[in-house]
Amino acid sequence: MLLYQAALPLSSRTLTFTARLIRAHRAAIGSRWRTLDPAGQALLTLAYLHQGHTYEQLAPGFGISRTTAARRIHETINLLATCAPKLREGLRAAKRSGRGYVILDGTLIPTDRLAADRPHYQGKHRCHGMNLQAITDWRGNLLWVSGAIRGSVHDTKAARIWQLPRLLADHALFALAGKGYQGLDHDLVVTPYKGKDKPDYQKEHNQLHARLRGPGERAFAELKKWRVLRKLRCDPNRATPIARAIAALNNQERQSG
């Protein structure tokens, strides 16, 4: 077996933040000794999330077994997930900004599943996956990322499952969203006009809508830089803590930038 060194395009602040969580967790549970110190366990998890390597690929480089690698990565992901931005807190922050709106978007996280797992099949993308919803502010700062639900669920239904229209109304906000959200709530969710040969006022509406919504789309692009989200090779139920862990890490990266 050949081993090699590699670099992660992440800040030292993100590593320190993750290691601090691990160190506090070990102190809380009274863990005296482990093969990896908190910094090593943090680096192992960041490599897994950002590069999308398998446990088998990562374990030899850290001098541990595959089982230990999986256990430490799962532990760290669960710790990071607790630091993910909360929906109500995010909406309150958006309200305080004075802009009056947020950006709503959804994406499909492909999973390595068999055809028998039909509930996870998404016809539009022709693959199995999990649906994620996210809300950002007008700058593209991630305010919230949802739990993962089966990929066959449409974005409009997913938004209703998470009660987004009601929460937007409670905080006196409206959302800018894509065409997939048409029909969700005309008063609270603004979407582009569909169809060809649109009148000028609809074209102008779509242009302004796209310009304002752009930062939200870039936020999802930043999430997809974490390669583990490009195709999950694990139990689909792990998609929720993974997505929320990445949301917490992504906010750390933006602060360090």
Protein backbone atom coordinates (compact mmCIF):
# COMPACT_ATOMS: atom_id res chain seq x y z
CA MET A 1 0.00 0.00 0.00
CA LEU A 2 1.25 3.48 -0.91
CA LEU A 3 0.69 6.49 1.33
CA TYR A 4 0.98 10.14 0.34
CA GLN A 5 0.52 13.58 1.86
CA ALA A 6 -2.23 15.92 0.73
CA ALA A 7 -3.56 19.38 1.60
CA LEU A 8 -7.06 20.54 2.48
CA PRO A 9 -8.17 24.01 1.29
CA LEU A 10 -9.55 24.85 4.73
CA SER A 11 -8.52 27.35 7.38
CA SER A 12 -6.75 26.46 10.61
CA ARG A 13 -9.68 28.12 12.41
CA THR A 14 -11.97 25.37 11.17
CA LEU A 15 -9.60 22.68 12.43
CA THR A 16 -9.29 24.42 15.80
CA PHE A 17 -13.06 24.76 16.09
CA THR A 18 -13.60 21.05 15.37
CA ALA A 19 -10.81 19.92 17.69
CA ARG A 20 -12.24 22.07 20.49
CA LEU A 21 -15.60 20.32 20.17
CA ILE A 22 -13.92 16.91 20.34
CA ARG A 23 -11.81 17.89 23.33
CA ALA A 24 -14.88 19.14 25.24
CA HIS A 25 -16.80 15.98 24.38
CA ARG A 26 -13.99 13.74 25.62
CA ALA A 27 -13.81 15.69 28.86
CA ALA A 28 -17.58 15.38 29.30
CA ILE A 29 -17.61 11.60 28.86
CA GLY A 30 -14.37 11.06 30.79
CA SER A 31 -12.41 9.57 27.89
CA ARG A 32 -8.79 9.20 29.05
CA TRP A 33 -6.90 8.04 25.95
CA ARG A 34 -7.50 7.39 22.28
CA THR A 35 -5.21 6.58 19.37
CA LEU A 36 -5.98 9.93 17.71
CA ASP A 37 -5.71 13.19 19.62
CA PRO A 38 -8.52 15.76 19.10
CA ALA A 39 -6.64 17.53 16.31
CA GLY A 40 -6.01 14.23 14.49
CA GLN A 41 -9.65 13.20 14.80
CA ALA A 42 -10.73 16.62 13.55
CA LEU A 43 -8.41 16.38 10.54
CA LEU A 44 -9.66 12.88 9.78
CA THR A 45 -13.28 14.10 9.70
CA LEU A 46 -12.50 17.19 7.64
CA ALA A 47 -10.70 15.02 5.07
CA TYR A 48 -13.70 12.69 4.91
CA LEU A 49 -16.21 15.52 4.46
CA HIS A 50 -14.23 17.75 2.13
CA GLN A 51 -12.53 15.17 -0.06
CA GLY A 52 -15.19 12.44 0.05
CA HIS A 53 -12.66 9.67 0.70
CA THR A 54 -13.87 6.35 2.05
CA TYR A 55 -12.99 4.99 5.48
CA GLU A 56 -10.72 2.44 3.82
CA GLN A 57 -8.76 5.19 2.08
CA LEU A 58 -8.38 7.38 5.16
CA ALA A 59 -7.67 4.84 7.89
CA PRO A 60 -4.12 3.78 6.83
CA GLY A 61 -2.93 7.36 6.58
CA PHE A 62 -3.94 7.98 10.20
CA GLY A 63 -2.63 4.65 11.47
CA ILE A 64 -6.02 3.32 12.55
CA SER A 65 -8.44 0.61 11.44
CA ARG A 66 -11.42 1.16 9.18
CA THR A 67 -13.80 0.56 12.09
CA THR A 68 -12.04 3.13 14.27
CA ALA A 69 -12.05 5.65 11.42
CA ALA A 70 -15.79 5.21 10.92
CA ARG A 71 -16.49 5.50 14.64
CA ARG A 72 -14.42 8.68 15.08
CA ILE A 73 -15.86 10.31 11.97
CA HIS A 74 -19.43 9.58 13.03
CA GLU A 75 -18.71 10.95 16.49
CA THR A 76 -17.28 14.20 15.14
CA ILE A 77 -20.05 14.68 12.58
CA ASN A 78 -22.66 14.35 15.31
CA LEU A 79 -20.84 16.94 17.42
CA LEU A 80 -20.62 19.36 14.49
CA ALA A 81 -24.29 18.84 13.60
CA THR A 82 -25.32 20.26 16.97
CA CYS A 83 -23.62 23.53 15.98
CA ALA A 84 -25.57 23.93 12.74
CA PRO A 85 -27.61 27.14 12.41
CA LYS A 86 -31.19 26.84 13.69
CA LEU A 87 -34.17 27.86 11.56
CA ARG A 88 -35.89 30.26 13.95
CA GLU A 89 -32.61 31.88 14.93
CA GLY A 90 -31.75 32.34 11.27
CA LEU A 91 -35.09 33.93 10.47
CA ARG A 92 -34.75 36.30 13.41
CA ALA A 93 -31.30 37.30 12.16
CA ALA A 94 -32.72 37.92 8.68
CA LYS A 95 -35.45 40.09 10.16
CA ARG A 96 -32.91 42.15 12.09
CA SER A 97 -30.97 42.80 8.88
CA GLY A 98 -33.83 44.96 7.66
CA ARG A 99 -33.95 43.44 4.18
CA GLY A 100 -37.31 41.73 4.72
CA TYR A 101 -36.56 38.64 2.66
CA VAL A 102 -34.57 35.41 2.61
CA ILE A 103 -33.52 33.10 -0.21
CA LEU A 104 -34.98 29.59 -0.30
CA ASP A 105 -33.50 26.78 -2.34
CA GLY A 106 -33.37 23.01 -2.45
CA THR A 107 -31.02 20.40 -3.82
CA LEU A 108 -30.73 16.66 -4.25
CA ILE A 109 -27.87 14.81 -2.57
CA PRO A 110 -27.24 11.64 -4.64
CA THR A 111 -26.87 8.42 -2.68
CA ASP A 112 -25.24 5.13 -3.58
CA ARG A 113 -28.41 3.04 -3.31
CA LEU A 114 -30.01 0.14 -5.14
CA ALA A 115 -33.03 0.38 -7.43
CA ALA A 116 -35.09 -1.32 -4.73
CA ASP A 117 -34.95 1.87 -2.67
CA ARG A 118 -37.67 3.45 -4.77
CA PRO A 119 -38.79 6.10 -2.24
CA HIS A 120 -35.40 7.81 -2.66
CA TYR A 121 -35.58 7.96 -6.47
CA GLN A 122 -35.78 11.44 -8.00
CA GLY A 123 -37.24 11.37 -11.49
CA LYS A 124 -35.87 14.74 -12.59
CA HIS A 125 -32.25 13.78 -11.91
CA ARG A 126 -32.82 10.06 -12.53
CA CYS A 127 -30.98 8.94 -9.43
CA HIS A 128 -31.55 8.02 -5.82
CA GLY A 129 -30.97 10.77 -3.32
CA MET A 130 -32.06 12.87 -0.39
CA ASN A 131 -33.79 16.26 -0.57
CA LEU A 132 -32.24 19.17 1.34
CA GLN A 133 -33.76 22.61 1.82
CA ALA A 134 -31.72 25.67 2.78
CA ILE A 135 -32.33 29.31 3.61
CA THR A 136 -29.75 32.07 3.22
CA ASP A 137 -29.81 35.80 3.81
CA TRP A 138 -29.46 38.39 1.06
CA ARG A 139 -25.64 38.10 1.19
CA GLY A 140 -25.68 34.31 0.79
CA ASN A 141 -24.87 33.54 4.43
CA LEU A 142 -26.36 30.18 5.32
CA LEU A 143 -29.10 30.65 7.92
CA TRP A 144 -30.41 27.08 8.02
CA VAL A 145 -30.17 23.72 6.31
CA SER A 146 -32.93 21.18 6.75
CA GLY A 147 -32.83 17.55 7.63
CA ALA A 148 -32.69 15.20 4.66
CA ILE A 149 -35.88 13.60 3.38
CA ARG A 150 -36.33 11.10 0.55
CA GLY A 151 -35.45 12.41 -2.89
CA SER A 152 -38.84 11.66 -4.43
CA VAL A 153 -40.35 14.53 -2.40
CA HIS A 154 -40.81 17.71 -4.45
CA ASP A 155 -39.29 20.95 -3.17
CA THR A 156 -42.73 22.49 -2.61
CA LYS A 157 -43.84 19.57 -0.46
CA ALA A 158 -40.52 19.58 1.38
CA ALA A 159 -40.99 23.26 2.24
CA ARG A 160 -44.44 22.46 3.62
CA ILE A 161 -43.05 19.56 5.65
CA TRP A 162 -40.66 21.99 7.34
CA GLN A 163 -43.54 24.50 7.77
CA LEU A 164 -41.58 27.22 6.01
CA PRO A 165 -44.58 29.31 4.88
CA ARG A 166 -45.92 29.53 8.45
CA LEU A 167 -42.51 30.41 9.89
CA LEU A 168 -41.94 33.07 7.24
CA ALA A 169 -45.32 34.62 8.14
CA ASP A 170 -44.49 34.47 11.85
CA HIS A 171 -41.32 36.50 11.23
CA ALA A 172 -42.92 38.87 8.68
CA LEU A 173 -40.54 37.76 5.93
CA PHE A 174 -40.93 36.58 2.36
CA ALA A 175 -38.68 34.25 0.39
CA LEU A 176 -37.20 34.35 -3.09
CA ALA A 177 -37.30 30.85 -4.57
CA GLY A 178 -36.92 29.01 -7.88
CA LYS A 179 -39.61 27.82 -10.27
CA GLY A 180 -39.91 24.55 -8.37
CA TYR A 181 -41.67 26.41 -5.56
CA GLN A 182 -44.51 27.85 -7.62
CA GLY A 183 -47.80 27.32 -5.86
CA LEU A 184 -46.27 27.13 -2.39
CA ASP A 185 -47.60 30.49 -1.18
CA HIS A 186 -48.03 33.42 -3.56
CA ASP A 187 -47.89 36.00 -0.75
CA LEU A 188 -44.80 34.64 0.99
CA VAL A 189 -42.74 32.88 -1.69
CA VAL A 190 -41.80 34.86 -4.82
CA THR A 191 -40.88 32.78 -7.87
CA PRO A 192 -39.98 33.59 -11.50
CA TYR A 193 -42.56 33.56 -14.26
CA LYS A 194 -42.58 30.50 -16.50
CA GLY A 195 -43.13 30.19 -20.23
CA LYS A 196 -41.87 31.71 -23.47
CA ASP A 197 -42.72 35.05 -25.08
CA LYS A 198 -43.33 36.67 -21.72
CA PRO A 199 -44.34 40.36 -21.59
CA ASP A 200 -41.67 42.86 -20.67
CA TYR A 201 -42.78 43.29 -17.07
CA GLN A 202 -42.40 39.54 -16.48
CA LYS A 203 -38.93 39.55 -18.05
CA GLU A 204 -37.89 42.44 -15.82
CA HIS A 205 -39.30 40.62 -12.80
CA ASN A 206 -37.29 37.50 -13.65
CA GLN A 207 -34.09 39.48 -14.16
CA LEU A 208 -34.40 41.23 -10.80
CA HIS A 209 -35.39 37.97 -9.13
CA ALA A 210 -32.33 36.16 -10.52
CA ARG A 211 -30.00 38.97 -9.43
CA LEU A 212 -31.33 38.99 -5.86
CA ARG A 213 -31.41 35.20 -5.62
CA GLY A 214 -27.89 34.66 -6.94
CA PRO A 215 -26.13 34.75 -3.53
CA GLY A 216 -28.37 31.93 -2.30
CA GLU A 217 -27.44 29.72 -5.23
CA ARG A 218 -23.76 30.39 -4.53
CA ALA A 219 -24.29 29.20 -0.95
CA PHE A 220 -25.39 25.79 -2.23
CA ALA A 221 -22.40 25.76 -4.57
CA GLU A 222 -20.18 26.29 -1.51
CA LEU A 223 -21.85 23.37 0.24
CA LYS A 224 -21.24 21.14 -2.76
CA LYS A 225 -17.51 21.90 -2.52
CA TRP A 226 -17.61 19.38 0.32
CA ARG A 227 -17.31 16.37 -1.94
CA VAL A 228 -19.03 13.95 0.39
CA LEU A 229 -22.30 15.65 -0.68
CA ARG A 230 -21.69 14.88 -4.33
CA LYS A 231 -22.58 11.25 -3.67
CA LEU A 232 -23.18 9.73 -0.26
CA ARG A 233 -21.80 6.21 0.09
CA CYS A 234 -23.49 5.51 3.39
CA ASP A 235 -26.88 4.98 4.98
CA PRO A 236 -29.19 7.74 3.63
CA ASN A 237 -30.21 8.47 7.23
CA ARG A 238 -26.69 9.81 7.77
CA ALA A 239 -27.39 12.59 5.28
CA THR A 240 -28.99 14.82 7.93
CA PRO A 241 -26.06 15.00 10.41
CA ILE A 242 -23.58 15.22 7.51
CA ALA A 243 -25.41 18.15 5.92
CA ARG A 244 -25.76 19.97 9.22
CA ALA A 245 -22.12 19.35 10.12
CA ILE A 246 -21.06 20.84 6.80
CA ALA A 247 -23.35 23.83 7.38
CA ALA A 248 -21.57 24.51 10.68
CA LEU A 249 -18.15 24.12 9.07
CA ASN A 250 -19.12 26.25 6.09
CA ASN A 251 -20.09 29.12 8.39
CA GLN A 252 -16.73 28.77 10.14
CA GLU A 253 -14.98 29.04 6.80
CA ARG A 254 -16.93 32.17 5.84
CA GLN A 255 -16.04 33.83 9.16
CA SER A 256 -12.37 33.01 8.72
CA GLY A 257 -12.43 34.37 5.19
